[in-house]
Amino acid sequence: MAIFPDRVVRSKRKTVSVSIDSLGQVIVRAPLRYSDEKIAAFLAEKEGWILKHKRRIDGAGIRLPEKSLDGYRLLLLGEEHEIVLYDRARVYLDKDEKRLFVPRENAEERLRRFLKENAKRIFTQATAARADEMGIAYKSVSLSSATTRWGSCSGDNALRFSYRLLYAPKDVIDYVIVHELCHVLHHDHSAAFWSAVEGVLPDYKEKRKWLKDRGALLKIL
């Protein structure tokens, strides 16, 4: 099958390369005068590698919302919920039917506010509980709108979590919290740091893989 690039970036480089972004898009970087025919031939040579990586991303089942949120299936704590736009004034979550009713007017902003309010509450409580178990003191918990990382720990031990972490299952959220708490002890990714993480969560690599495979979730809302 022919592989077509989603985006071609030409610059004053001497070589051609291909990458797959978190949404499965094929991005080619090529010299300024590199022809479309040469790009097509290059992609044909890389077909196996490209298809392998696209299958992995497609297997995560992630798609971004289109123009309307109505009918979009959003992950909340790892479970799919269908968004239903309606004509009332507040966001309402039907836990039994797994449906999230969102006011039609300013739907995206209303939904984002709902996500942030719940993320702050859940992450604050979960972090306090884990820190107590681990005997670790941290400065504070706050939210970020980061689109490249799920969590962070500052030099003065203030913890920040992307509100989009709310999309992940509870055990994955727990991993990110443990990860950042361990940074209070080790402000790096040294062997000692990973040993501390593993001491709390022996299966942390499974959780880390979930996040790596679903990096596209950081681009949603």
C-alpha atoms as a PDB file:
ATOM      1  CA  MET A   1       0.000   0.000   0.000  1.00  0.00           C
ATOM      2  CA  ALA A   2       1.171   3.537  -0.699  1.00  0.00           C
ATOM      3  CA  ILE A   3       2.066   5.694   2.287  1.00  0.00           C
ATOM      4  CA  PHE A   4       1.165   9.369   2.051  1.00  0.00           C
ATOM      5  CA  PRO A   5       2.598  11.982   4.429  1.00  0.00           C
ATOM      6  CA  ASP A   6       0.225  14.069   6.525  1.00  0.00           C
ATOM      7  CA  ARG A   7       2.797  16.833   6.665  1.00  0.00           C
ATOM      8  CA  VAL A   8       6.061  17.604   4.871  1.00  0.00           C
ATOM      9  CA  VAL A   9       8.517  20.020   6.477  1.00  0.00           C
ATOM     10  CA  ARG A  10      11.264  21.232   4.153  1.00  0.00           C
ATOM     11  CA  SER A  11      14.311  23.037   5.511  1.00  0.00           C
ATOM     12  CA  LYS A  12      18.040  23.514   4.953  1.00  0.00           C
ATOM     13  CA  ARG A  13      18.803  20.004   6.092  1.00  0.00           C
ATOM     14  CA  LYS A  14      20.764  17.404   4.134  1.00  0.00           C
ATOM     15  CA  THR A  15      18.860  14.237   4.998  1.00  0.00           C
ATOM     16  CA  VAL A  16      15.255  13.028   4.926  1.00  0.00           C
ATOM     17  CA  SER A  17      13.484  11.520   7.931  1.00  0.00           C
ATOM     18  CA  VAL A  18      10.022  10.341   8.928  1.00  0.00           C
ATOM     19  CA  SER A  19       8.277  10.344  12.298  1.00  0.00           C
ATOM     20  CA  ILE A  20       4.853   9.415  13.653  1.00  0.00           C
ATOM     21  CA  ASP A  21       3.318  11.884  16.089  1.00  0.00           C
ATOM     22  CA  SER A  22       1.033  11.062  19.019  1.00  0.00           C
ATOM     23  CA  LEU A  23      -2.023  11.166  16.739  1.00  0.00           C
ATOM     24  CA  GLY A  24      -0.571   8.742  14.204  1.00  0.00           C
ATOM     25  CA  GLN A  25       0.230  11.405  11.609  1.00  0.00           C
ATOM     26  CA  VAL A  26       3.128  10.751   9.249  1.00  0.00           C
ATOM     27  CA  ILE A  27       5.531  13.698   9.281  1.00  0.00           C
ATOM     28  CA  VAL A  28       8.377  13.921   6.778  1.00  0.00           C
ATOM     29  CA  ARG A  29      11.318  16.295   7.175  1.00  0.00           C
ATOM     30  CA  ALA A  30      13.273  16.804   3.986  1.00  0.00           C
ATOM     31  CA  PRO A  31      15.796  19.111   2.256  1.00  0.00           C
ATOM     32  CA  LEU A  32      14.368  22.142   0.458  1.00  0.00           C
ATOM     33  CA  ARG A  33      14.705  20.687  -3.051  1.00  0.00           C
ATOM     34  CA  TYR A  34      13.773  17.107  -2.186  1.00  0.00           C
ATOM     35  CA  SER A  35      11.075  16.150  -4.699  1.00  0.00           C
ATOM     36  CA  ASP A  36       7.678  14.609  -3.933  1.00  0.00           C
ATOM     37  CA  GLU A  37       8.737  11.561  -5.971  1.00  0.00           C
ATOM     38  CA  LYS A  38      11.796  11.014  -3.762  1.00  0.00           C
ATOM     39  CA  ILE A  39       9.647  11.390  -0.637  1.00  0.00           C
ATOM     40  CA  ALA A  40       7.215   8.772  -1.975  1.00  0.00           C
ATOM     41  CA  ALA A  41      10.095   6.376  -2.642  1.00  0.00           C
ATOM     42  CA  PHE A  42      11.532   7.008   0.822  1.00  0.00           C
ATOM     43  CA  LEU A  43       8.170   6.292   2.469  1.00  0.00           C
ATOM     44  CA  ALA A  44       7.824   3.087   0.460  1.00  0.00           C
ATOM     45  CA  GLU A  45      11.147   1.912   1.912  1.00  0.00           C
ATOM     46  CA  LYS A  46       9.950   2.751   5.432  1.00  0.00           C
ATOM     47  CA  GLU A  47       6.473   1.249   4.977  1.00  0.00           C
ATOM     48  CA  GLY A  48       6.942  -1.572   7.504  1.00  0.00           C
ATOM     49  CA  TRP A  49       8.198   0.737  10.229  1.00  0.00           C
ATOM     50  CA  ILE A  50       5.460   3.300   9.579  1.00  0.00           C
ATOM     51  CA  LEU A  51       2.632   0.758   9.639  1.00  0.00           C
ATOM     52  CA  LYS A  52       3.956  -0.830  12.825  1.00  0.00           C
ATOM     53  CA  HIS A  53       3.940   2.475  14.681  1.00  0.00           C
ATOM     54  CA  LYS A  54       0.588   3.599  13.280  1.00  0.00           C
ATOM     55  CA  ARG A  55      -1.010   0.308  14.392  1.00  0.00           C
ATOM     56  CA  ARG A  56       0.254   0.852  17.918  1.00  0.00           C
ATOM     57  CA  ILE A  57      -1.271   4.337  18.054  1.00  0.00           C
ATOM     58  CA  ASP A  58      -4.491   3.319  16.320  1.00  0.00           C
ATOM     59  CA  GLY A  59      -4.796   0.468  18.826  1.00  0.00           C
ATOM     60  CA  ALA A  60      -5.039   2.994  21.637  1.00  0.00           C
ATOM     61  CA  GLY A  61      -8.417   3.975  20.180  1.00  0.00           C
ATOM     62  CA  ILE A  62      -7.881   7.717  20.464  1.00  0.00           C
ATOM     63  CA  ARG A  63      -9.583  10.272  18.278  1.00  0.00           C
ATOM     64  CA  LEU A  64      -9.928  13.988  18.777  1.00  0.00           C
ATOM     65  CA  PRO A  65     -13.288  15.776  18.912  1.00  0.00           C
ATOM     66  CA  GLU A  66     -14.591  17.199  15.684  1.00  0.00           C
ATOM     67  CA  LYS A  67     -16.374  20.565  15.409  1.00  0.00           C
ATOM     68  CA  SER A  68     -19.202  19.472  17.680  1.00  0.00           C
ATOM     69  CA  LEU A  69     -18.671  17.630  20.953  1.00  0.00           C
ATOM     70  CA  ASP A  70     -22.091  16.019  20.633  1.00  0.00           C
ATOM     71  CA  GLY A  71     -21.679  12.248  20.578  1.00  0.00           C
ATOM     72  CA  TYR A  72     -17.947  12.369  21.269  1.00  0.00           C
ATOM     73  CA  ARG A  73     -16.783   9.560  23.548  1.00  0.00           C
ATOM     74  CA  LEU A  74     -14.518  11.022  26.210  1.00  0.00           C
ATOM     75  CA  LEU A  75     -12.446   9.040  28.693  1.00  0.00           C
ATOM     76  CA  LEU A  76     -13.098   9.841  32.342  1.00  0.00           C
ATOM     77  CA  LEU A  77     -11.014   7.889  34.853  1.00  0.00           C
ATOM     78  CA  GLY A  78     -10.282   5.442  32.038  1.00  0.00           C
ATOM     79  CA  GLU A  79     -13.904   4.741  31.111  1.00  0.00           C
ATOM     80  CA  GLU A  80     -15.665   5.975  27.991  1.00  0.00           C
ATOM     81  CA  HIS A  81     -18.477   8.466  28.507  1.00  0.00           C
ATOM     82  CA  GLU A  82     -20.635   9.823  25.708  1.00  0.00           C
ATOM     83  CA  ILE A  83     -20.999  13.583  25.574  1.00  0.00           C
ATOM     84  CA  VAL A  84     -24.564  14.793  25.032  1.00  0.00           C
ATOM     85  CA  LEU A  85     -25.136  18.475  24.360  1.00  0.00           C
ATOM     86  CA  TYR A  86     -28.333  19.809  25.910  1.00  0.00           C
ATOM     87  CA  ASP A  87     -30.085  23.084  26.698  1.00  0.00           C
ATOM     88  CA  ARG A  88     -29.648  23.339  30.438  1.00  0.00           C
ATOM     89  CA  ALA A  89     -27.224  25.412  32.479  1.00  0.00           C
ATOM     90  CA  ARG A  90     -24.858  22.922  34.102  1.00  0.00           C
ATOM     91  CA  VAL A  91     -22.723  19.911  33.294  1.00  0.00           C
ATOM     92  CA  TYR A  92     -24.319  16.721  34.550  1.00  0.00           C
ATOM     93  CA  LEU A  93     -22.640  13.311  34.792  1.00  0.00           C
ATOM     94  CA  ASP A  94     -24.858  10.233  34.594  1.00  0.00           C
ATOM     95  CA  LYS A  95     -22.544   7.630  36.126  1.00  0.00           C
ATOM     96  CA  ASP A  96     -24.895   4.702  35.484  1.00  0.00           C
ATOM     97  CA  GLU A  97     -25.382   5.405  31.785  1.00  0.00           C
ATOM     98  CA  LYS A  98     -21.861   6.831  31.410  1.00  0.00           C
ATOM     99  CA  ARG A  99     -23.170   9.937  29.702  1.00  0.00           C
ATOM    100  CA  LEU A 100     -21.896  13.452  30.244  1.00  0.00           C
ATOM    101  CA  PHE A 101     -24.509  16.147  29.606  1.00  0.00           C
ATOM    102  CA  VAL A 102     -22.905  19.451  28.640  1.00  0.00           C
ATOM    103  CA  PRO A 103     -24.687  22.798  28.041  1.00  0.00           C
ATOM    104  CA  ARG A 104     -24.837  23.495  24.327  1.00  0.00           C
ATOM    105  CA  GLU A 105     -23.767  27.124  24.772  1.00  0.00           C
ATOM    106  CA  ASN A 106     -19.988  27.451  25.255  1.00  0.00           C
ATOM    107  CA  ALA A 107     -19.842  23.663  25.482  1.00  0.00           C
ATOM    108  CA  GLU A 108     -16.074  23.337  25.260  1.00  0.00           C
ATOM    109  CA  GLU A 109     -15.380  25.923  27.941  1.00  0.00           C
ATOM    110  CA  ARG A 110     -18.085  24.499  30.249  1.00  0.00           C
ATOM    111  CA  LEU A 111     -16.644  20.996  29.838  1.00  0.00           C
ATOM    112  CA  ARG A 112     -13.095  22.172  30.460  1.00  0.00           C
ATOM    113  CA  ARG A 113     -14.205  23.902  33.654  1.00  0.00           C
ATOM    114  CA  PHE A 114     -15.950  20.704  34.794  1.00  0.00           C
ATOM    115  CA  LEU A 115     -12.808  18.656  34.116  1.00  0.00           C
ATOM    116  CA  LYS A 116     -10.572  21.056  36.017  1.00  0.00           C
ATOM    117  CA  GLU A 117     -12.859  21.242  39.048  1.00  0.00           C
ATOM    118  CA  ASN A 118     -13.015  17.471  39.351  1.00  0.00           C
ATOM    119  CA  ALA A 119      -9.333  16.977  38.561  1.00  0.00           C
ATOM    120  CA  LYS A 120      -8.293  19.388  41.333  1.00  0.00           C
ATOM    121  CA  ARG A 121     -10.460  17.623  43.891  1.00  0.00           C
ATOM    122  CA  ILE A 122      -9.445  14.084  42.899  1.00  0.00           C
ATOM    123  CA  PHE A 123      -5.726  14.775  42.523  1.00  0.00           C
ATOM    124  CA  THR A 124      -5.517  16.750  45.770  1.00  0.00           C
ATOM    125  CA  GLN A 125      -7.174  13.996  47.791  1.00  0.00           C
ATOM    126  CA  ALA A 126      -5.252  11.175  46.132  1.00  0.00           C
ATOM    127  CA  THR A 127      -1.904  12.934  46.526  1.00  0.00           C
ATOM    128  CA  ALA A 128      -2.488  13.615  50.210  1.00  0.00           C
ATOM    129  CA  ALA A 129      -3.387   9.973  50.825  1.00  0.00           C
ATOM    130  CA  ARG A 130      -0.342   8.627  48.934  1.00  0.00           C
ATOM    131  CA  ALA A 131       2.045  11.105  50.545  1.00  0.00           C
ATOM    132  CA  ASP A 132       0.813  10.053  53.978  1.00  0.00           C
ATOM    133  CA  GLU A 133       1.433   6.387  53.128  1.00  0.00           C
ATOM    134  CA  MET A 134       4.902   7.130  51.750  1.00  0.00           C
ATOM    135  CA  GLY A 135       5.857   9.548  54.528  1.00  0.00           C
ATOM    136  CA  ILE A 136       6.634  12.339  52.065  1.00  0.00           C
ATOM    137  CA  ALA A 137       5.957  16.049  52.568  1.00  0.00           C
ATOM    138  CA  TYR A 138       5.303  18.230  49.523  1.00  0.00           C
ATOM    139  CA  LYS A 139       4.525  21.916  49.160  1.00  0.00           C
ATOM    140  CA  SER A 140       1.254  22.008  47.207  1.00  0.00           C
ATOM    141  CA  VAL A 141      -0.883  20.476  44.461  1.00  0.00           C
ATOM    142  CA  SER A 142      -2.062  22.513  41.502  1.00  0.00           C
ATOM    143  CA  LEU A 143      -3.307  21.969  37.971  1.00  0.00           C
ATOM    144  CA  SER A 144      -1.643  22.774  34.687  1.00  0.00           C
ATOM    145  CA  SER A 145      -2.841  22.773  31.108  1.00  0.00           C
ATOM    146  CA  ALA A 146       0.321  21.003  29.964  1.00  0.00           C
ATOM    147  CA  THR A 147       0.118  19.200  26.648  1.00  0.00           C
ATOM    148  CA  THR A 148       3.522  17.491  26.823  1.00  0.00           C
ATOM    149  CA  ARG A 149       3.701  16.061  30.331  1.00  0.00           C
ATOM    150  CA  TRP A 150       1.230  14.544  32.776  1.00  0.00           C
ATOM    151  CA  GLY A 151       2.817  15.849  35.953  1.00  0.00           C
ATOM    152  CA  SER A 152       5.794  17.743  37.351  1.00  0.00           C
ATOM    153  CA  CYS A 153       7.576  18.512  40.601  1.00  0.00           C
ATOM    154  CA  SER A 154       9.290  21.874  41.058  1.00  0.00           C
ATOM    155  CA  GLY A 155      12.538  22.476  42.892  1.00  0.00           C
ATOM    156  CA  ASP A 156      10.598  23.493  46.016  1.00  0.00           C
ATOM    157  CA  ASN A 157       8.421  20.351  45.791  1.00  0.00           C
ATOM    158  CA  ALA A 158       5.258  21.922  44.424  1.00  0.00           C
ATOM    159  CA  LEU A 159       3.405  19.269  42.437  1.00  0.00           C
ATOM    160  CA  ARG A 160       1.485  20.065  39.258  1.00  0.00           C
ATOM    161  CA  PHE A 161      -0.711  17.713  37.242  1.00  0.00           C
ATOM    162  CA  SER A 162      -2.228  18.266  33.833  1.00  0.00           C
ATOM    163  CA  TYR A 163      -5.969  18.294  34.327  1.00  0.00           C
ATOM    164  CA  ARG A 164      -6.145  15.926  31.343  1.00  0.00           C
ATOM    165  CA  LEU A 165      -4.736  13.208  33.603  1.00  0.00           C
ATOM    166  CA  LEU A 166      -8.393  12.870  34.616  1.00  0.00           C
ATOM    167  CA  TYR A 167      -8.849  10.855  31.396  1.00  0.00           C
ATOM    168  CA  ALA A 168      -6.627   8.065  32.753  1.00  0.00           C
ATOM    169  CA  PRO A 169      -7.703   5.081  34.898  1.00  0.00           C
ATOM    170  CA  LYS A 170      -7.332   5.505  38.654  1.00  0.00           C
ATOM    171  CA  ASP A 171      -4.325   3.195  38.876  1.00  0.00           C
ATOM    172  CA  VAL A 172      -2.535   5.203  36.177  1.00  0.00           C
ATOM    173  CA  ILE A 173      -3.329   8.462  37.988  1.00  0.00           C
ATOM    174  CA  ASP A 174      -1.913   6.841  41.106  1.00  0.00           C
ATOM    175  CA  TYR A 175       1.301   6.038  39.215  1.00  0.00           C
ATOM    176  CA  VAL A 176       1.750   9.669  38.131  1.00  0.00           C
ATOM    177  CA  ILE A 177       1.162  10.832  41.703  1.00  0.00           C
ATOM    178  CA  VAL A 178       3.708   8.335  43.059  1.00  0.00           C
ATOM    179  CA  HIS A 179       6.124   9.355  40.293  1.00  0.00           C
ATOM    180  CA  GLU A 180       5.960  13.029  41.276  1.00  0.00           C
ATOM    181  CA  LEU A 181       6.129  12.284  45.010  1.00  0.00           C
ATOM    182  CA  CYS A 182       9.303  10.290  44.398  1.00  0.00           C
ATOM    183  CA  HIS A 183      10.721  13.407  42.751  1.00  0.00           C
ATOM    184  CA  VAL A 184      10.485  15.065  46.158  1.00  0.00           C
ATOM    185  CA  LEU A 185      13.154  12.554  47.191  1.00  0.00           C
ATOM    186  CA  HIS A 186      15.089  12.497  43.921  1.00  0.00           C
ATOM    187  CA  HIS A 187      14.889  15.465  41.547  1.00  0.00           C
ATOM    188  CA  ASP A 188      16.075  13.400  38.607  1.00  0.00           C
ATOM    189  CA  HIS A 189      15.412  10.106  36.851  1.00  0.00           C
ATOM    190  CA  SER A 190      18.318   8.255  38.391  1.00  0.00           C
ATOM    191  CA  ALA A 191      18.389   4.581  39.314  1.00  0.00           C
ATOM    192  CA  ALA A 192      17.588   5.627  42.887  1.00  0.00           C
ATOM    193  CA  PHE A 193      14.479   7.460  41.685  1.00  0.00           C
ATOM    194  CA  TRP A 194      13.130   4.492  39.715  1.00  0.00           C
ATOM    195  CA  SER A 195      13.943   2.192  42.635  1.00  0.00           C
ATOM    196  CA  ALA A 196      11.798   4.399  44.859  1.00  0.00           C
ATOM    197  CA  VAL A 197       8.922   4.265  42.346  1.00  0.00           C
ATOM    198  CA  GLU A 198       9.216   0.492  42.024  1.00  0.00           C
ATOM    199  CA  GLY A 199       9.252   0.119  45.793  1.00  0.00           C
ATOM    200  CA  VAL A 200       5.741   1.579  45.869  1.00  0.00           C
ATOM    201  CA  LEU A 201       4.443   0.289  42.533  1.00  0.00           C
ATOM    202  CA  PRO A 202       6.231  -2.874  41.339  1.00  0.00           C
ATOM    203  CA  ASP A 203       4.163  -2.819  38.096  1.00  0.00           C
ATOM    204  CA  TYR A 204       4.799   0.864  37.347  1.00  0.00           C
ATOM    205  CA  LYS A 205       6.118   0.082  33.851  1.00  0.00           C
ATOM    206  CA  GLU A 206       2.637  -1.039  32.760  1.00  0.00           C
ATOM    207  CA  LYS A 207       1.176   2.280  33.899  1.00  0.00           C
ATOM    208  CA  ARG A 208       3.966   4.233  32.232  1.00  0.00           C
ATOM    209  CA  LYS A 209       3.313   2.377  28.977  1.00  0.00           C
ATOM    210  CA  TRP A 210      -0.405   3.271  29.145  1.00  0.00           C
ATOM    211  CA  LEU A 211       0.541   6.940  29.291  1.00  0.00           C
ATOM    212  CA  LYS A 212       3.152   6.633  26.555  1.00  0.00           C
ATOM    213  CA  ASP A 213       0.720   4.904  24.193  1.00  0.00           C
ATOM    214  CA  ARG A 214      -1.935   7.534  24.845  1.00  0.00           C
ATOM    215  CA  GLY A 215       0.049  10.731  24.689  1.00  0.00           C
ATOM    216  CA  ALA A 216      -2.547  12.022  22.234  1.00  0.00           C
ATOM    217  CA  LEU A 217      -4.950  12.443  25.151  1.00  0.00           C
ATOM    218  CA  LEU A 218      -2.912  15.480  26.168  1.00  0.00           C
ATOM    219  CA  LYS A 219      -4.167  17.176  23.009  1.00  0.00           C
ATOM    220  CA  ILE A 220      -7.872  16.798  23.867  1.00  0.00           C
ATOM    221  CA  LEU A 221      -9.715  19.875  25.157  1.00  0.00           C
END
